[in-house]
Amino acid sequence: MRNPIRRRSAVLAIGVFSLSAAAMAPGAFAAGSDDDVKVSNTETVQVAMDASGKIDAQRIYEQLVLTGKGKVDVANPISTKGLRNLDGFGGYDVKDGAVRIKTDVDGTKKYRSVSDFTKKLPLDIKVTYTLDGKKMDPSDIVGKSGTLEVRYVITNVTGTTEDVPFTNGEGKTETSPQEVVVPMVGTLDTTLPSNFTKVVPDGANAAGDGRGGTMLSFTMTLIPPIGKATAEIGYTAKVKNATIPKADISALPVNPLENVSFKGGAEAYKGGAETGQDLTAGATEINANVLKLRDGASELVAGILQLQDGANQLSEGLQNEAAPGAGKLAKGAGDLDAGAGKLDAGAGKLSDGLAEAKNGAPALLDGVAKLKAGASKVDAGLVKLRDTVNAGGGDFNAQFGAAVDGAMTATLDGILPKLNGALDGLNGLMQASAATAQEKGVFSANVTGTKAALKAGIEGALKTQLAPQLKAGAAGGVKQLTDGVAGGVGSPDTKDTLRNGVAQIIGGLTQLSDKGGDLVDGLGQLSAGADQLRAGTGDLQDGTGQLSKGAGDLASGLDTAAAGSGKLADGLDKAAEGAPALPEGADRLSKEGTSKVVESGNETAMDFGQRYALLEAGAKRAATAQPYGSPEGATALTAYKFEIAGEDGSDAANVKRGLAAIALMVAAGGFATIRRRGLI
């Protein structure tokens, strides 16, 4: 058995230590005390155990400290079993399991007591000893040598099952059944003697004791989820003539949300839960935007299909109408050129005929009147030809320009709204996303710039490039035609023109008619005029040749434009084929990407949320962790001290020495003395 003197010394030592520590507590104003008096209460539980871990005794030391100035009337709950006053021989006023203290305080007053501990201990401690691989009782190891392994298993047994509320990734409150313990931390300290060598501690801090021994200190965090409810620690050593050293375990409940050593870990769990919630919310928003992107991509596909239809219509219009019309214009210009050639040839014949007429003037005089009338008709025909060509050219330019402008406007009106709508949709998605304000602003500006650039580019390509080229080509050809005809026809007063020549002919015929005598002279002048007419028809033929060439260039340009519009239509056909992949890809991204992130964020939030909620529940239990409690409003402190006795064989030796002494006394005839002394 243990040495009672040693036990009392140990008890006294821990009592003094605990009371001293408690005396340093600041205290709080308890109910029943003046506001100027602070009350603190410390409950220190001391447990004496033998080397095998069996409990020999368990006591609780109470220290009530009153600090300040004023009147106090408080009731302190205690264990009344074996209650003793450590401050004197007087008793206590005990009622309903509490010590009633009514006193005046001016400074500091302390009330200390000890009694039997009658509650359940928060820790279960098991000790095992193995020598050379064989499990043995500690008393059987004393005096032996070999490899000694000592294992301590300390378990926090305060757990109760509670429905612990926590917040999931969607911000909703759920509950989960959890084993909630009173958070406990502690240390196990032991000093191995010098005959313990090659010491291998299992997670302990080790240092020499200055006398050849080894001091070991193990730290235990019995706070799930920061630590585990059970700590398994120990050491291995080579021993010679072994003894079992004692071990001391100190433990106390803590609030992990306020204790500086664990507050960071608790905040990390809380931050992890909040991060999981933020991740879930962000991923949910992104997933919603991805679905919007999918819908927007579907609209974009529809726009591309409409653009495809417009491009196909443009291609068909150029290939089936504009280009063939330009070909007809080129053919007509060629026919006109051929006609001008015939006119030129006719003018030549006229010139030749007039020359013959000059020689045959007498025979010509009879037909002068008819010739004059015919010349007047020629002049009227030339006027009609000029007016018809001018009117036809203007009508052609107007109709052709209107057709080109209509085609360009229809194409532009069909393309721009769809492109702008798609860009606005993308900008809306960006503005609804989790991007920064700067990123949203830059993206919005880019969308505006893109709209302007698209409009300017397409409008420039259609209205300022293609349309003007088409109009200019047609107008140039028509202008060459009208200018050639107008220049060739001219007026009666314009030299070197058809009408001027005809006017001269008419004048000559008039003179010839009026002055038959002057016929010869008139025929000479008429011949000269015919020569001028011949030169004018040559110019006319040159103009119609240029017109034919311009019409050919126009036809060639429209053929090129038709080919380009065909390529544009082909490109949009390919875009239309690939466009459906956009909404399909966005849908797949939602199902296989962002939805998975939402699930992961929710799992993270729930995992960390449950851990933090478990710490919160433990913190609530820590606030009421005193075995018996304190006066209402007082500062409450609790500590536990477990002393695991060593084993050195001295108890067995003492028994042997006692038996030997009794035998000697009996042999000496001192049996009566022994009896009087109450030894037997």
Foldseek 3Di string as FASTA:
>chain_A
DDDVVVVVVVVVVVLVVQQVVQVPDPAWDFPQWPRFKGKFKEKEKEWEAAQQQHTDFIKIKIKIKIAGWTWGWFWWADDPAAKQWPVDHDDFDDDPRTGTDTDTDHGMDMTMIMHGDDDDDQKRKGKWKAFPNRTDDQQVCAQAWGKIWMKIKIFGPQWDWDFFWFAFLQRDIDTDTDTFGQWKKKKKKWKADQQWPPKAWDQWDWDDPVHNIIITMHIDGCHPPVHHRMDMTIMMTTGHSDWFTKMKMKMFGDQLCPDPVRVVVLVVLVVLLVQLSVLLVQLVLVLVLLLLQLVLLVLLLVLLVLLLVLLVVVLCCLVVPVLVVLVVQLVVLVVVLVVLVVQLVVLVVVLVVLVVCLVVVVVCLVCLVVVLVVLVVVLVVLVVVLVVLVVVLVVVLVVQLVVLVVSLVVSLVSNLVSLLVSLVSVLVSVVSHPDDPVVSVVSVVVSVVVSVCVSCVSCCVRVVNVSCVLSVLSNVLSCLLSVLSCQQQPDCPDFLHQNVLSNLSSVLSVCCNVPVVCSSVSSVSNSVSSVSNSVSSVSSSVSSVVSSVSSVVSSVVSVVVSVVSVVVSVVSVVCSVPSNVSSVVSVCCSVVPSVVSSVVSSVSSVVSRVRSSSSVVSSVCNVVVDPGDTRGGIHYTYMYMYMHHMGNCVVVVVVVVVVVVVVVCVVVVNPVVCVVVVVD
